[in-house]
Amino acid sequence: MSLSTISQDLITAEKTLAHWSTEYPKVAKAEADASIAFELAWAQALQLIDAREIPDGKKKPTVGIQEAEAMVMCSKELTDKKRTAVDLDVAKKLIGIAETTLTSIQTRVKIEQMDLALSGTRI
């Protein structure tokens, strides 16, 4: 592998890392916003359920039933929260992959330089 090929790989890896380093804060903000929206929707749903009048002769629904109903009421917010959490996890992994790739390429450069030095070729 030539130094020019390795150099091109290095540039590509650096661009990838720069891209995901820029995108990560946006993805993290979207995830935080979705979490807040879900928590607010969840609290509001529980308040609505708790504020309902219970007809005479009926029992108050169990906590499990109330939570299940609240989950249905804020299912869109929960879906958004889960999706943005996955996006954040993917972004973290892509940054890690880019960092590992960059380190690997830098190691290849060092090895190539050592090989050239041992063979007496000028870099």
C-alpha atoms as a PDB file:
ATOM      1  CA  MET A   1       0.000   0.000   0.000  1.00  0.00           C
ATOM      2  CA  SER A   2       1.438   3.369  -0.975  1.00  0.00           C
ATOM      3  CA  LEU A   3       1.608   6.455   1.158  1.00  0.00           C
ATOM      4  CA  SER A   4      -0.673   8.293  -1.276  1.00  0.00           C
ATOM      5  CA  THR A   5      -3.376   5.619  -0.868  1.00  0.00           C
ATOM      6  CA  ILE A   6      -2.986   5.738   2.893  1.00  0.00           C
ATOM      7  CA  SER A   7      -3.079   9.528   2.759  1.00  0.00           C
ATOM      8  CA  GLN A   8      -6.390   9.433   0.880  1.00  0.00           C
ATOM      9  CA  ASP A   9      -7.788   6.955   3.431  1.00  0.00           C
ATOM     10  CA  LEU A  10      -6.650   9.293   6.196  1.00  0.00           C
ATOM     11  CA  ILE A  11      -8.413  12.275   4.618  1.00  0.00           C
ATOM     12  CA  THR A  12     -11.623  10.252   4.208  1.00  0.00           C
ATOM     13  CA  ALA A  13     -11.488   9.079   7.841  1.00  0.00           C
ATOM     14  CA  GLU A  14     -10.836  12.609   9.087  1.00  0.00           C
ATOM     15  CA  LYS A  15     -13.826  13.928   7.100  1.00  0.00           C
ATOM     16  CA  THR A  16     -16.042  11.162   8.472  1.00  0.00           C
ATOM     17  CA  LEU A  17     -14.975  11.893  12.043  1.00  0.00           C
ATOM     18  CA  ALA A  18     -15.466  15.633  11.526  1.00  0.00           C
ATOM     19  CA  HIS A  19     -18.950  15.029  10.089  1.00  0.00           C
ATOM     20  CA  TRP A  20     -20.143  12.872  12.984  1.00  0.00           C
ATOM     21  CA  SER A  21     -18.497  15.142  15.550  1.00  0.00           C
ATOM     22  CA  THR A  22     -20.584  17.981  14.107  1.00  0.00           C
ATOM     23  CA  GLU A  23     -23.773  15.921  13.844  1.00  0.00           C
ATOM     24  CA  TYR A  24     -23.545  14.357  17.307  1.00  0.00           C
ATOM     25  CA  PRO A  25     -24.611  17.477  19.267  1.00  0.00           C
ATOM     26  CA  LYS A  26     -27.650  17.857  16.995  1.00  0.00           C
ATOM     27  CA  VAL A  27     -28.618  14.214  17.489  1.00  0.00           C
ATOM     28  CA  ALA A  28     -28.058  14.500  21.256  1.00  0.00           C
ATOM     29  CA  LYS A  29     -30.285  17.592  21.416  1.00  0.00           C
ATOM     30  CA  ALA A  30     -33.023  15.840  19.433  1.00  0.00           C
ATOM     31  CA  GLU A  31     -32.842  12.886  21.835  1.00  0.00           C
ATOM     32  CA  ALA A  32     -33.021  15.171  24.881  1.00  0.00           C
ATOM     33  CA  ASP A  33     -35.966  17.075  23.402  1.00  0.00           C
ATOM     34  CA  ALA A  34     -37.796  13.808  22.654  1.00  0.00           C
ATOM     35  CA  SER A  35     -37.167  12.550  26.204  1.00  0.00           C
ATOM     36  CA  ILE A  36     -38.532  15.753  27.703  1.00  0.00           C
ATOM     37  CA  ALA A  37     -41.583  15.648  25.420  1.00  0.00           C
ATOM     38  CA  PHE A  38     -42.291  12.060  26.471  1.00  0.00           C
ATOM     39  CA  GLU A  39     -41.880  12.787  30.184  1.00  0.00           C
ATOM     40  CA  LEU A  40     -44.250  15.762  29.937  1.00  0.00           C
ATOM     41  CA  ALA A  41     -46.814  13.802  27.913  1.00  0.00           C
ATOM     42  CA  TRP A  42     -46.565  10.913  30.411  1.00  0.00           C
ATOM     43  CA  ALA A  43     -47.130  13.220  33.392  1.00  0.00           C
ATOM     44  CA  GLN A  44     -50.049  14.962  31.684  1.00  0.00           C
ATOM     45  CA  ALA A  45     -51.646  11.641  30.757  1.00  0.00           C
ATOM     46  CA  LEU A  46     -51.366  10.383  34.339  1.00  0.00           C
ATOM     47  CA  GLN A  47     -52.882  13.639  35.614  1.00  0.00           C
ATOM     48  CA  LEU A  48     -55.816  13.332  33.212  1.00  0.00           C
ATOM     49  CA  ILE A  49     -56.413   9.736  34.213  1.00  0.00           C
ATOM     50  CA  ASP A  50     -56.143  10.506  37.911  1.00  0.00           C
ATOM     51  CA  ALA A  51     -58.531  13.491  37.648  1.00  0.00           C
ATOM     52  CA  ARG A  52     -61.360  11.415  36.172  1.00  0.00           C
ATOM     53  CA  GLU A  53     -64.382  10.903  38.308  1.00  0.00           C
ATOM     54  CA  ILE A  54     -65.056   7.310  39.225  1.00  0.00           C
ATOM     55  CA  PRO A  55     -68.690   6.340  38.806  1.00  0.00           C
ATOM     56  CA  ASP A  56     -70.463   5.043  41.911  1.00  0.00           C
ATOM     57  CA  GLY A  57     -69.958   1.343  42.360  1.00  0.00           C
ATOM     58  CA  LYS A  58     -66.779   1.314  40.261  1.00  0.00           C
ATOM     59  CA  LYS A  59     -63.280   0.849  41.578  1.00  0.00           C
ATOM     60  CA  LYS A  60     -60.385   3.111  40.723  1.00  0.00           C
ATOM     61  CA  PRO A  61     -58.210   1.490  38.034  1.00  0.00           C
ATOM     62  CA  THR A  62     -55.020  -0.108  39.280  1.00  0.00           C
ATOM     63  CA  VAL A  63     -51.708   1.685  38.799  1.00  0.00           C
ATOM     64  CA  GLY A  64     -50.834  -0.825  36.080  1.00  0.00           C
ATOM     65  CA  ILE A  65     -54.030  -0.075  34.179  1.00  0.00           C
ATOM     66  CA  GLN A  66     -53.490   3.673  34.569  1.00  0.00           C
ATOM     67  CA  GLU A  67     -49.914   3.390  33.298  1.00  0.00           C
ATOM     68  CA  ALA A  68     -51.003   1.267  30.345  1.00  0.00           C
ATOM     69  CA  GLU A  69     -53.609   3.845  29.387  1.00  0.00           C
ATOM     70  CA  ALA A  70     -51.071   6.664  29.799  1.00  0.00           C
ATOM     71  CA  MET A  71     -48.674   4.749  27.549  1.00  0.00           C
ATOM     72  CA  VAL A  72     -51.305   4.578  24.831  1.00  0.00           C
ATOM     73  CA  MET A  73     -52.075   8.274  25.249  1.00  0.00           C
ATOM     74  CA  CYS A  74     -48.438   9.288  24.727  1.00  0.00           C
ATOM     75  CA  SER A  75     -47.384   6.565  22.285  1.00  0.00           C
ATOM     76  CA  LYS A  76     -46.196   9.090  19.679  1.00  0.00           C
ATOM     77  CA  GLU A  77     -43.853  10.746  22.174  1.00  0.00           C
ATOM     78  CA  LEU A  78     -42.588   7.344  23.317  1.00  0.00           C
ATOM     79  CA  THR A  79     -41.931   6.307  19.712  1.00  0.00           C
ATOM     80  CA  ASP A  80     -40.044   9.540  19.066  1.00  0.00           C
ATOM     81  CA  LYS A  81     -38.030   9.074  22.257  1.00  0.00           C
ATOM     82  CA  LYS A  82     -37.050   5.507  21.332  1.00  0.00           C
ATOM     83  CA  ARG A  83     -36.120   6.455  17.758  1.00  0.00           C
ATOM     84  CA  THR A  84     -33.963   9.388  18.798  1.00  0.00           C
ATOM     85  CA  ALA A  85     -32.263   7.228  21.445  1.00  0.00           C
ATOM     86  CA  VAL A  86     -31.343   4.768  18.687  1.00  0.00           C
ATOM     87  CA  ASP A  87     -30.093   7.638  16.500  1.00  0.00           C
ATOM     88  CA  LEU A  88     -27.896   8.841  19.366  1.00  0.00           C
ATOM     89  CA  ASP A  89     -26.506   5.363  19.939  1.00  0.00           C
ATOM     90  CA  VAL A  90     -25.745   4.969  16.226  1.00  0.00           C
ATOM     91  CA  ALA A  91     -23.992   8.361  16.150  1.00  0.00           C
ATOM     92  CA  LYS A  92     -21.843   7.358  19.155  1.00  0.00           C
ATOM     93  CA  LYS A  93     -20.892   4.094  17.466  1.00  0.00           C
ATOM     94  CA  LEU A  94     -20.078   5.833  14.169  1.00  0.00           C
ATOM     95  CA  ILE A  95     -17.804   8.291  15.976  1.00  0.00           C
ATOM     96  CA  GLY A  96     -16.066   5.359  17.668  1.00  0.00           C
ATOM     97  CA  ILE A  97     -15.665   3.557  14.351  1.00  0.00           C
ATOM     98  CA  ALA A  98     -14.248   6.701  12.726  1.00  0.00           C
ATOM     99  CA  GLU A  99     -11.788   7.169  15.612  1.00  0.00           C
ATOM    100  CA  THR A 100     -10.668   3.541  15.390  1.00  0.00           C
ATOM    101  CA  THR A 101     -10.303   3.782  11.609  1.00  0.00           C
ATOM    102  CA  LEU A 102      -8.269   6.957  11.945  1.00  0.00           C
ATOM    103  CA  THR A 103      -5.959   5.324  14.488  1.00  0.00           C
ATOM    104  CA  SER A 104      -5.565   2.281  12.258  1.00  0.00           C
ATOM    105  CA  ILE A 105      -4.653   4.407   9.256  1.00  0.00           C
ATOM    106  CA  GLN A 106      -2.172   6.416  11.306  1.00  0.00           C
ATOM    107  CA  THR A 107      -0.569   3.143  12.405  1.00  0.00           C
ATOM    108  CA  ARG A 108      -0.356   2.019   8.769  1.00  0.00           C
ATOM    109  CA  VAL A 109       1.405   5.281   7.913  1.00  0.00           C
ATOM    110  CA  LYS A 110       3.989   4.697  10.642  1.00  0.00           C
ATOM    111  CA  ILE A 111       4.589   1.125   9.455  1.00  0.00           C
ATOM    112  CA  GLU A 112       4.916   2.283   5.844  1.00  0.00           C
ATOM    113  CA  GLN A 113       7.358   5.006   6.891  1.00  0.00           C
ATOM    114  CA  MET A 114       9.430   2.481   8.876  1.00  0.00           C
ATOM    115  CA  ASP A 115       9.487   0.101   5.902  1.00  0.00           C
ATOM    116  CA  LEU A 116      10.633   2.902   3.614  1.00  0.00           C
ATOM    117  CA  ALA A 117      13.307   3.976   6.110  1.00  0.00           C
ATOM    118  CA  LEU A 118      14.600   0.406   6.434  1.00  0.00           C
ATOM    119  CA  SER A 119      14.759   0.017   2.678  1.00  0.00           C
ATOM    120  CA  GLY A 120      16.701   3.269   2.388  1.00  0.00           C
ATOM    121  CA  THR A 121      14.024   5.058   0.381  1.00  0.00           C
ATOM    122  CA  ARG A 122      13.483   8.719   1.178  1.00  0.00           C
ATOM    123  CA  ILE A 123      10.013   9.718   2.280  1.00  0.00           C
END
